[in-house]
């Protein structure tokens, strides 16, 4: 897998949601510190988190850990701006991949 992580920003009505999907190993263990790394990347960008949740889902032959964050608007990042969204996704992905 070239990019095992999936990071997207989606609109859920009036809310903006950051979704991070991380594959679970065959042993059933997820990658440690994912939640910490995501929140650290968002804090570095100055983005506030309204709520967060973690769940596990199975899709075909793969199990995924899904991290969902409801983000709050702020002055630096207007979440309706596509360039700001791309910067958020890129920063979170780079943090998680260790780049």
PDB file of N, CA and C in Angstrom:
ATOM      1  N   UNK A   1       0.834  -1.165   0.000  1.00  0.00           N
ATOM      2  CA  UNK A   1       0.000   0.000   0.000  1.00  0.00           C
ATOM      3  C   UNK A   1       0.887   1.239   0.000  1.00  0.00           C
ATOM      4  N   UNK A   2       0.716   2.109  -0.962  1.00  0.00           N
ATOM      5  CA  UNK A   2       1.530   3.317  -1.052  1.00  0.00           C
ATOM      6  C   UNK A   2       1.236   4.255   0.114  1.00  0.00           C
ATOM      7  N   UNK A   3      -0.023   4.565   0.342  1.00  0.00           N
ATOM      8  CA  UNK A   3      -0.442   5.403   1.469  1.00  0.00           C
ATOM      9  C   UNK A   3      -1.437   4.611   2.293  1.00  0.00           C
ATOM     10  N   UNK A   4      -0.980   3.940   3.342  1.00  0.00           N
ATOM     11  CA  UNK A   4      -1.896   3.121   4.127  1.00  0.00           C
ATOM     12  C   UNK A   4      -2.914   3.944   4.900  1.00  0.00           C
ATOM     13  N   UNK A   5      -2.630   5.208   5.131  1.00  0.00           N
ATOM     14  CA  UNK A   5      -3.556   6.076   5.850  1.00  0.00           C
ATOM     15  C   UNK A   5      -4.474   6.791   4.881  1.00  0.00           C
ATOM     16  N   UNK A   6      -5.699   7.007   5.311  1.00  0.00           N
ATOM     17  CA  UNK A   6      -6.642   7.821   4.542  1.00  0.00           C
ATOM     18  C   UNK A   6      -6.983   9.023   5.405  1.00  0.00           C
ATOM     19  N   UNK A   7      -6.782  10.215   4.878  1.00  0.00           N
ATOM     20  CA  UNK A   7      -7.081  11.444   5.607  1.00  0.00           C
ATOM     21  C   UNK A   7      -7.931  12.320   4.702  1.00  0.00           C
ATOM     22  N   UNK A   8      -9.138  12.669   5.167  1.00  0.00           N
ATOM     23  CA  UNK A   8     -10.017  13.542   4.384  1.00  0.00           C
ATOM     24  C   UNK A   8     -10.733  14.512   5.312  1.00  0.00           C
ATOM     25  N   UNK A   9     -11.180  15.615   4.736  1.00  0.00           N
ATOM     26  CA  UNK A   9     -12.048  16.552   5.438  1.00  0.00           C
ATOM     27  C   UNK A   9     -13.376  16.540   4.702  1.00  0.00           C
ATOM     28  N   UNK A  10     -14.454  16.396   5.460  1.00  0.00           N
ATOM     29  CA  UNK A  10     -15.789  16.317   4.875  1.00  0.00           C
ATOM     30  C   UNK A  10     -16.726  17.266   5.612  1.00  0.00           C
ATOM     31  N   UNK A  11     -17.746  17.728   4.908  1.00  0.00           N
ATOM     32  CA  UNK A  11     -18.791  18.531   5.532  1.00  0.00           C
ATOM     33  C   UNK A  11     -19.890  17.616   6.017  1.00  0.00           C
ATOM     34  N   UNK A  12     -20.321  17.826   7.236  1.00  0.00           N
ATOM     35  CA  UNK A  12     -21.458  17.107   7.815  1.00  0.00           C
ATOM     36  C   UNK A  12     -22.457  18.167   8.250  1.00  0.00           C
ATOM     37  N   UNK A  13     -23.270  18.608   7.294  1.00  0.00           N
ATOM     38  CA  UNK A  13     -24.187  19.702   7.582  1.00  0.00           C
ATOM     39  C   UNK A  13     -23.384  20.966   7.830  1.00  0.00           C
ATOM     40  N   UNK A  14     -23.630  21.643   8.952  1.00  0.00           N
ATOM     41  CA  UNK A  14     -22.869  22.868   9.238  1.00  0.00           C
ATOM     42  C   UNK A  14     -21.485  22.587   9.818  1.00  0.00           C
ATOM     43  N   UNK A  15     -21.201  21.333  10.130  1.00  0.00           N
ATOM     44  CA  UNK A  15     -19.940  20.971  10.773  1.00  0.00           C
ATOM     45  C   UNK A  15     -18.904  20.510   9.754  1.00  0.00           C
ATOM     46  N   UNK A  16     -17.639  20.707  10.105  1.00  0.00           N
ATOM     47  CA  UNK A  16     -16.526  20.207   9.305  1.00  0.00           C
ATOM     48  C   UNK A  16     -15.870  19.086  10.084  1.00  0.00           C
ATOM     49  N   UNK A  17     -15.667  17.960   9.404  1.00  0.00           N
ATOM     50  CA  UNK A  17     -15.180  16.759  10.066  1.00  0.00           C
ATOM     51  C   UNK A  17     -13.885  16.286   9.409  1.00  0.00           C
ATOM     52  N   UNK A  18     -12.894  15.990  10.240  1.00  0.00           N
ATOM     53  CA  UNK A  18     -11.647  15.379   9.776  1.00  0.00           C
ATOM     54  C   UNK A  18     -11.749  13.889  10.044  1.00  0.00           C
ATOM     55  N   UNK A  19     -11.556  13.082   9.008  1.00  0.00           N
ATOM     56  CA  UNK A  19     -11.608  11.625   9.133  1.00  0.00           C
ATOM     57  C   UNK A  19     -10.234  11.051   8.813  1.00  0.00           C
ATOM     58  N   UNK A  20      -9.749  10.201   9.698  1.00  0.00           N
ATOM     59  CA  UNK A  20      -8.476   9.517   9.486  1.00  0.00           C
ATOM     60  C   UNK A  20      -8.735   8.025   9.629  1.00  0.00           C
ATOM     61  N   UNK A  21      -8.440   7.270   8.574  1.00  0.00           N
ATOM     62  CA  UNK A  21      -8.608   5.814   8.593  1.00  0.00           C
ATOM     63  C   UNK A  21      -7.227   5.176   8.609  1.00  0.00           C
ATOM     64  N   UNK A  22      -7.017   4.328   9.596  1.00  0.00           N
ATOM     65  CA  UNK A  22      -5.731   3.671   9.784  1.00  0.00           C
ATOM     66  C   UNK A  22      -5.958   2.164   9.769  1.00  0.00           C
ATOM     67  N   UNK A  23      -5.267   1.407   8.912  1.00  0.00           N
ATOM     68  CA  UNK A  23      -5.480  -0.044   8.886  1.00  0.00           C
ATOM     69  C   UNK A  23      -4.987  -0.712  10.169  1.00  0.00           C
ATOM     70  N   UNK A  24      -5.712  -1.729  10.600  1.00  0.00           N
ATOM     71  CA  UNK A  24      -5.345  -2.501  11.785  1.00  0.00           C
ATOM     72  C   UNK A  24      -4.502  -3.684  11.325  1.00  0.00           C
ATOM     73  N   UNK A  25      -3.464  -4.013  12.098  1.00  0.00           N
ATOM     74  CA  UNK A  25      -2.609  -5.149  11.756  1.00  0.00           C
ATOM     75  C   UNK A  25      -3.392  -6.452  11.856  1.00  0.00           C
ATOM     76  N   UNK A  26      -2.874  -7.502  11.250  1.00  0.00           N
ATOM     77  CA  UNK A  26      -3.530  -8.810  11.304  1.00  0.00           C
ATOM     78  C   UNK A  26      -3.637  -9.334  12.731  1.00  0.00           C
ATOM     79  N   UNK A  27      -2.739  -8.910  13.600  1.00  0.00           N
ATOM     80  CA  UNK A  27      -2.788  -9.336  15.000  1.00  0.00           C
ATOM     81  C   UNK A  27      -3.913  -8.641  15.767  1.00  0.00           C
ATOM     82  N   UNK A  28      -4.550  -7.650  15.139  1.00  0.00           N
ATOM     83  CA  UNK A  28      -5.644  -6.931  15.782  1.00  0.00           C
ATOM     84  C   UNK A  28      -5.216  -5.665  16.490  1.00  0.00           C
ATOM     85  N   UNK A  29      -3.941  -5.330  16.394  1.00  0.00           N
ATOM     86  CA  UNK A  29      -3.440  -4.131  17.056  1.00  0.00           C
ATOM     87  C   UNK A  29      -3.404  -2.969  16.075  1.00  0.00           C
ATOM     88  N   UNK A  30      -3.790  -1.811  16.565  1.00  0.00           N
ATOM     89  CA  UNK A  30      -3.682  -0.600  15.774  1.00  0.00           C
ATOM     90  C   UNK A  30      -2.348   0.073  16.033  1.00  0.00           C
ATOM     91  N   UNK A  31      -2.035   1.060  15.241  1.00  0.00           N
ATOM     92  CA  UNK A  31      -0.791   1.816  15.415  1.00  0.00           C
ATOM     93  C   UNK A  31      -0.899   2.660  16.677  1.00  0.00           C
ATOM     94  N   UNK A  32       0.106   2.636  17.545  1.00  0.00           N
ATOM     95  CA  UNK A  32       0.049   3.453  18.758  1.00  0.00           C
ATOM     96  C   UNK A  32       0.222   4.941  18.441  1.00  0.00           C
ATOM     97  N   UNK A  33      -0.295   5.786  19.299  1.00  0.00           N
ATOM     98  CA  UNK A  33      -0.132   7.239  19.255  1.00  0.00           C
ATOM     99  C   UNK A  33      -0.808   7.930  18.088  1.00  0.00           C
ATOM    100  N   UNK A  34      -1.716   7.294  17.380  1.00  0.00           N
ATOM    101  CA  UNK A  34      -2.385   7.963  16.259  1.00  0.00           C
ATOM    102  C   UNK A  34      -3.171   9.162  16.769  1.00  0.00           C
ATOM    103  N   UNK A  35      -3.958   8.957  17.819  1.00  0.00           N
ATOM    104  CA  UNK A  35      -4.783  10.030  18.371  1.00  0.00           C
ATOM    105  C   UNK A  35      -3.910  11.211  18.802  1.00  0.00           C
ATOM    106  N   UNK A  36      -2.816  10.912  19.485  1.00  0.00           N
ATOM    107  CA  UNK A  36      -1.895  11.965  19.927  1.00  0.00           C
ATOM    108  C   UNK A  36      -1.299  12.708  18.733  1.00  0.00           C
ATOM    109  N   UNK A  37      -0.832  11.981  17.734  1.00  0.00           N
ATOM    110  CA  UNK A  37      -0.202  12.613  16.574  1.00  0.00           C
ATOM    111  C   UNK A  37      -1.174  13.521  15.823  1.00  0.00           C
ATOM    112  N   UNK A  38      -2.430  13.087  15.686  1.00  0.00           N
ATOM    113  CA  UNK A  38      -3.426  13.911  14.985  1.00  0.00           C
ATOM    114  C   UNK A  38      -3.688  15.190  15.766  1.00  0.00           C
ATOM    115  N   UNK A  39      -3.932  15.060  17.073  1.00  0.00           N
ATOM    116  CA  UNK A  39      -4.228  16.252  17.873  1.00  0.00           C
ATOM    117  C   UNK A  39      -3.019  17.187  17.941  1.00  0.00           C
ATOM    118  N   UNK A  40      -1.820  16.623  17.948  1.00  0.00           N
ATOM    119  CA  UNK A  40      -0.608  17.452  17.956  1.00  0.00           C
ATOM    120  C   UNK A  40      -0.488  18.238  16.650  1.00  0.00           C
ATOM    121  N   UNK A  41      -0.766  17.604  15.525  1.00  0.00           N
ATOM    122  CA  UNK A  41      -0.699  18.292  14.228  1.00  0.00           C
ATOM    123  C   UNK A  41      -1.745  19.402  14.149  1.00  0.00           C
ATOM    124  N   UNK A  42      -2.959  19.126  14.632  1.00  0.00           N
ATOM    125  CA  UNK A  42      -4.010  20.143  14.604  1.00  0.00           C
ATOM    126  C   UNK A  42      -3.663  21.313  15.520  1.00  0.00           C
ATOM    127  N   UNK A  43      -3.093  21.024  16.673  1.00  0.00           N
ATOM    128  CA  UNK A  43      -2.696  22.092  17.596  1.00  0.00           C
ATOM    129  C   UNK A  43      -1.603  22.954  16.981  1.00  0.00           C
ATOM    130  N   UNK A  44      -0.653  22.332  16.291  1.00  0.00           N
ATOM    131  CA  UNK A  44       0.424  23.084  15.646  1.00  0.00           C
ATOM    132  C   UNK A  44      -0.129  24.049  14.597  1.00  0.00           C
ATOM    133  N   UNK A  45      -1.252  23.678  13.974  1.00  0.00           N
ATOM    134  CA  UNK A  45      -1.893  24.545  12.987  1.00  0.00           C
ATOM    135  C   UNK A  45      -2.815  25.574  13.638  1.00  0.00           C
ATOM    136  N   UNK A  46      -3.056  25.438  14.938  1.00  0.00           N
ATOM    137  CA  UNK A  46      -3.947  26.367  15.635  1.00  0.00           C
ATOM    138  C   UNK A  46      -5.416  26.050  15.446  1.00  0.00           C
ATOM    139  N   UNK A  47      -5.736  24.797  15.182  1.00  0.00           N
ATOM    140  CA  UNK A  47      -7.123  24.385  14.952  1.00  0.00           C
ATOM    141  C   UNK A  47      -7.680  23.766  16.224  1.00  0.00           C
ATOM    142  N   UNK A  48      -8.880  24.206  16.593  1.00  0.00           N
ATOM    143  CA  UNK A  48      -9.540  23.683  17.792  1.00  0.00           C
ATOM    144  C   UNK A  48     -10.427  22.503  17.422  1.00  0.00           C
ATOM    145  N   UNK A  49     -10.489  21.543  18.326  1.00  0.00           N
ATOM    146  CA  UNK A  49     -11.312  20.346  18.138  1.00  0.00           C
ATOM    147  C   UNK A  49     -12.538  20.471  19.025  1.00  0.00           C
ATOM    148  N   UNK A  50     -13.715  20.329  18.427  1.00  0.00           N
ATOM    149  CA  UNK A  50     -14.957  20.380  19.195  1.00  0.00           C
ATOM    150  C   UNK A  50     -15.240  19.031  19.843  1.00  0.00           C
ATOM    151  N   UNK A  51     -15.082  17.959  19.074  1.00  0.00           N
ATOM    152  CA  UNK A  51     -15.263  16.610  19.627  1.00  0.00           C
ATOM    153  C   UNK A  51     -14.445  15.620  18.813  1.00  0.00           C
ATOM    154  N   UNK A  52     -14.201  14.455  19.422  1.00  0.00           N
ATOM    155  CA  UNK A  52     -13.418  13.409  18.757  1.00  0.00           C
ATOM    156  C   UNK A  52     -13.947  12.052  19.181  1.00  0.00           C
ATOM    157  N   UNK A  53     -13.858  11.091  18.274  1.00  0.00           N
ATOM    158  CA  UNK A  53     -14.239   9.717  18.613  1.00  0.00           C
ATOM    159  C   UNK A  53     -13.429   8.744  17.772  1.00  0.00           C
ATOM    160  N   UNK A  54     -13.290   7.533  18.303  1.00  0.00           N
ATOM    161  CA  UNK A  54     -12.533   6.480  17.635  1.00  0.00           C
ATOM    162  C   UNK A  54     -13.435   5.266  17.502  1.00  0.00           C
ATOM    163  N   UNK A  55     -13.399   4.619  16.339  1.00  0.00           N
ATOM    164  CA  UNK A  55     -14.172   3.399  16.136  1.00  0.00           C
ATOM    165  C   UNK A  55     -13.425   2.444  15.229  1.00  0.00           C
ATOM    166  N   UNK A  56     -13.869   1.200  15.225  1.00  0.00           N
ATOM    167  CA  UNK A  56     -13.293   0.186  14.325  1.00  0.00           C
ATOM    168  C   UNK A  56     -14.370  -0.286  13.369  1.00  0.00           C
ATOM    169  N   UNK A  57     -13.980  -0.424  12.114  1.00  0.00           N
ATOM    170  CA  UNK A  57     -14.904  -0.863  11.085  1.00  0.00           C
ATOM    171  C   UNK A  57     -14.211  -1.877  10.188  1.00  0.00           C
ATOM    172  N   UNK A  58     -14.981  -2.810   9.677  1.00  0.00           N
ATOM    173  CA  UNK A  58     -14.465  -3.796   8.729  1.00  0.00           C
ATOM    174  C   UNK A  58     -15.009  -3.482   7.351  1.00  0.00           C
ATOM    175  N   UNK A  59     -14.121  -3.493   6.373  1.00  0.00           N
ATOM    176  CA  UNK A  59     -14.504  -3.292   4.983  1.00  0.00           C
ATOM    177  C   UNK A  59     -13.830  -4.384   4.168  1.00  0.00           C
ATOM    178  N   UNK A  60     -14.618  -5.198   3.528  1.00  0.00           N
ATOM    179  CA  UNK A  60     -14.172  -6.377   2.775  1.00  0.00           C
ATOM    180  C   UNK A  60     -13.271  -7.244   3.652  1.00  0.00           C
ATOM    181  N   UNK A  61     -11.992  -7.334   3.348  1.00  0.00           N
ATOM    182  CA  UNK A  61     -11.094  -8.212   4.106  1.00  0.00           C
ATOM    183  C   UNK A  61     -10.190  -7.437   5.066  1.00  0.00           C
ATOM    184  N   UNK A  62     -10.480  -6.174   5.294  1.00  0.00           N
ATOM    185  CA  UNK A  62      -9.591  -5.307   6.073  1.00  0.00           C
ATOM    186  C   UNK A  62     -10.336  -4.666   7.240  1.00  0.00           C
ATOM    187  N   UNK A  63      -9.667  -4.520   8.369  1.00  0.00           N
ATOM    188  CA  UNK A  63     -10.237  -3.816   9.510  1.00  0.00           C
ATOM    189  C   UNK A  63      -9.519  -2.474   9.651  1.00  0.00           C
ATOM    190  N   UNK A  64     -10.293  -1.425   9.951  1.00  0.00           N
ATOM    191  CA  UNK A  64      -9.764  -0.070  10.021  1.00  0.00           C
ATOM    192  C   UNK A  64     -10.128   0.574  11.352  1.00  0.00           C
ATOM    193  N   UNK A  65      -9.219   1.380  11.872  1.00  0.00           N
ATOM    194  CA  UNK A  65      -9.536   2.282  12.973  1.00  0.00           C
ATOM    195  C   UNK A  65      -9.872   3.632  12.345  1.00  0.00           C
ATOM    196  N   UNK A  66     -11.030   4.168  12.711  1.00  0.00           N
ATOM    197  CA  UNK A  66     -11.478   5.441  12.161  1.00  0.00           C
ATOM    198  C   UNK A  66     -11.461   6.485  13.270  1.00  0.00           C
ATOM    199  N   UNK A  67     -10.762   7.561  13.029  1.00  0.00           N
ATOM    200  CA  UNK A  67     -10.690   8.684  13.963  1.00  0.00           C
ATOM    201  C   UNK A  67     -11.498   9.826  13.363  1.00  0.00           C
ATOM    202  N   UNK A  68     -12.502  10.298  14.103  1.00  0.00           N
ATOM    203  CA  UNK A  68     -13.373  11.375  13.620  1.00  0.00           C
ATOM    204  C   UNK A  68     -13.238  12.583  14.534  1.00  0.00           C
ATOM    205  N   UNK A  69     -12.950  13.732  13.939  1.00  0.00           N
ATOM    206  CA  UNK A  69     -12.794  14.977  14.688  1.00  0.00           C
ATOM    207  C   UNK A  69     -13.724  16.028  14.101  1.00  0.00           C
ATOM    208  N   UNK A  70     -14.553  16.644  14.939  1.00  0.00           N
ATOM    209  CA  UNK A  70     -15.316  17.813  14.522  1.00  0.00           C
ATOM    210  C   UNK A  70     -14.445  19.026  14.795  1.00  0.00           C
ATOM    211  N   UNK A  71     -14.192  19.809  13.761  1.00  0.00           N
ATOM    212  CA  UNK A  71     -13.280  20.943  13.865  1.00  0.00           C
ATOM    213  C   UNK A  71     -14.055  22.243  14.018  1.00  0.00           C
ATOM    214  N   UNK A  72     -13.462  23.198  14.727  1.00  0.00           N
ATOM    215  CA  UNK A  72     -14.057  24.519  14.898  1.00  0.00           C
ATOM    216  C   UNK A  72     -13.384  25.505  13.952  1.00  0.00           C
ATOM    217  N   UNK A  73     -14.181  26.424  13.416  1.00  0.00           N
ATOM    218  CA  UNK A  73     -13.645  27.486  12.562  1.00  0.00           C
ATOM    219  C   UNK A  73     -12.780  28.415  13.402  1.00  0.00           C
ATOM    220  N   UNK A  74     -11.726  28.950  12.806  1.00  0.00           N
ATOM    221  CA  UNK A  74     -10.959  30.013  13.453  1.00  0.00           C
ATOM    222  C   UNK A  74     -10.494  30.990  12.387  1.00  0.00           C
ATOM    223  N   UNK A  75      -9.835  32.046  12.811  1.00  0.00           N
ATOM    224  CA  UNK A  75      -9.442  33.100  11.871  1.00  0.00           C
ATOM    225  C   UNK A  75      -8.359  32.654  10.899  1.00  0.00           C
ATOM    226  N   UNK A  76      -7.425  31.838  11.368  1.00  0.00           N
ATOM    227  CA  UNK A  76      -6.298  31.438  10.523  1.00  0.00           C
ATOM    228  C   UNK A  76      -6.736  30.475   9.424  1.00  0.00           C
ATOM    229  N   UNK A  77      -7.584  29.518   9.766  1.00  0.00           N
ATOM    230  CA  UNK A  77      -8.021  28.521   8.799  1.00  0.00           C
ATOM    231  C   UNK A  77      -9.531  28.584   8.633  1.00  0.00           C
ATOM    232  N   UNK A  78      -9.966  29.145   7.523  1.00  0.00           N
ATOM    233  CA  UNK A  78     -11.378  29.089   7.180  1.00  0.00           C
ATOM    234  C   UNK A  78     -11.604  27.722   6.551  1.00  0.00           C
ATOM    235  N   UNK A  79     -12.324  26.874   7.246  1.00  0.00           N
ATOM    236  CA  UNK A  79     -12.458  25.481   6.818  1.00  0.00           C
ATOM    237  C   UNK A  79     -13.242  25.326   5.520  1.00  0.00           C
ATOM    238  N   UNK A  80     -13.879  26.402   5.062  1.00  0.00           N
ATOM    239  CA  UNK A  80     -14.563  26.343   3.772  1.00  0.00           C
ATOM    240  C   UNK A  80     -13.583  26.575   2.617  1.00  0.00           C
ATOM    241  N   UNK A  81     -12.382  27.046   2.917  1.00  0.00           N
ATOM    242  CA  UNK A  81     -11.359  27.314   1.914  1.00  0.00           C
ATOM    243  C   UNK A  81     -10.635  26.011   1.554  1.00  0.00           C
ATOM    244  N   UNK A  82     -10.606  25.676   0.281  1.00  0.00           N
ATOM    245  CA  UNK A  82     -10.009  24.416  -0.165  1.00  0.00           C
ATOM    246  C   UNK A  82      -8.501  24.359   0.087  1.00  0.00           C
ATOM    247  N   UNK A  83      -7.799  25.470  -0.048  1.00  0.00           N
ATOM    248  CA  UNK A  83      -6.353  25.470   0.213  1.00  0.00           C
ATOM    249  C   UNK A  83      -6.068  25.191   1.687  1.00  0.00           C
ATOM    250  N   UNK A  84      -6.871  25.756   2.578  1.00  0.00           N
ATOM    251  CA  UNK A  84      -6.699  25.504   4.013  1.00  0.00           C
ATOM    252  C   UNK A  84      -6.978  24.039   4.327  1.00  0.00           C
ATOM    253  N   UNK A  85      -8.012  23.482   3.713  1.00  0.00           N
ATOM    254  CA  UNK A  85      -8.332  22.065   3.920  1.00  0.00           C
ATOM    255  C   UNK A  85      -7.185  21.175   3.458  1.00  0.00           C
ATOM    256  N   UNK A  86      -6.634  21.483   2.297  1.00  0.00           N
ATOM    257  CA  UNK A  86      -5.517  20.690   1.779  1.00  0.00           C
ATOM    258  C   UNK A  86      -4.300  20.779   2.691  1.00  0.00           C
ATOM    259  N   UNK A  87      -4.062  21.959   3.270  1.00  0.00           N
ATOM    260  CA  UNK A  87      -2.932  22.113   4.186  1.00  0.00           C
ATOM    261  C   UNK A  87      -3.143  21.289   5.457  1.00  0.00           C
ATOM    262  N   UNK A  88      -4.370  21.264   5.958  1.00  0.00           N
ATOM    263  CA  UNK A  88      -4.681  20.468   7.150  1.00  0.00           C
ATOM    264  C   UNK A  88      -4.456  18.991   6.862  1.00  0.00           C
ATOM    265  N   UNK A  89      -5.014  18.508   5.755  1.00  0.00           N
ATOM    266  CA  UNK A  89      -4.874  17.094   5.387  1.00  0.00           C
ATOM    267  C   UNK A  89      -3.405  16.740   5.194  1.00  0.00           C
ATOM    268  N   UNK A  90      -2.661  17.593   4.500  1.00  0.00           N
ATOM    269  CA  UNK A  90      -1.244  17.329   4.245  1.00  0.00           C
ATOM    270  C   UNK A  90      -0.438  17.302   5.543  1.00  0.00           C
ATOM    271  N   UNK A  91      -0.703  18.240   6.441  1.00  0.00           N
ATOM    272  CA  UNK A  91       0.028  18.290   7.713  1.00  0.00           C
ATOM    273  C   UNK A  91      -0.262  17.066   8.566  1.00  0.00           C
ATOM    274  N   UNK A  92      -1.528  16.674   8.654  1.00  0.00           N
ATOM    275  CA  UNK A  92      -1.890  15.493   9.449  1.00  0.00           C
ATOM    276  C   UNK A  92      -1.264  14.240   8.841  1.00  0.00           C
ATOM    277  N   UNK A  93      -1.343  14.095   7.518  1.00  0.00           N
ATOM    278  CA  UNK A  93      -0.767  12.918   6.862  1.00  0.00           C
ATOM    279  C   UNK A  93       0.747  12.856   7.070  1.00  0.00           C
ATOM    280  N   UNK A  94       1.424  13.975   6.889  1.00  0.00           N
ATOM    281  CA  UNK A  94       2.881  14.002   7.075  1.00  0.00           C
ATOM    282  C   UNK A  94       3.268  13.675   8.517  1.00  0.00           C
ATOM    283  N   UNK A  95       2.501  14.166   9.474  1.00  0.00           N
ATOM    284  CA  UNK A  95       2.785  13.866  10.882  1.00  0.00           C
ATOM    285  C   UNK A  95       2.628  12.375  11.148  1.00  0.00           C
ATOM    286  N   UNK A  96       1.562  11.793  10.642  1.00  0.00           N
ATOM    287  CA  UNK A  96       1.315  10.371  10.879  1.00  0.00           C
ATOM    288  C   UNK A  96       2.318   9.473  10.156  1.00  0.00           C
ATOM    289  N   UNK A  97       2.767   9.891   8.985  1.00  0.00           N
ATOM    290  CA  UNK A  97       3.715   9.088   8.221  1.00  0.00           C
ATOM    291  C   UNK A  97       5.160   9.334   8.659  1.00  0.00           C
ATOM    292  N   UNK A  98       5.380  10.345   9.502  1.00  0.00           N
ATOM    293  CA  UNK A  98       6.728  10.640   9.975  1.00  0.00           C
ATOM    294  C   UNK A  98       7.580  11.359   8.952  1.00  0.00           C
ATOM    295  N   UNK A  99       6.943  12.100   8.050  1.00  0.00           N
ATOM    296  CA  UNK A  99       7.694  12.817   7.007  1.00  0.00           C
ATOM    297  C   UNK A  99       8.029  14.203   7.455  1.00  0.00           C
TER     298      UNK A  99
END
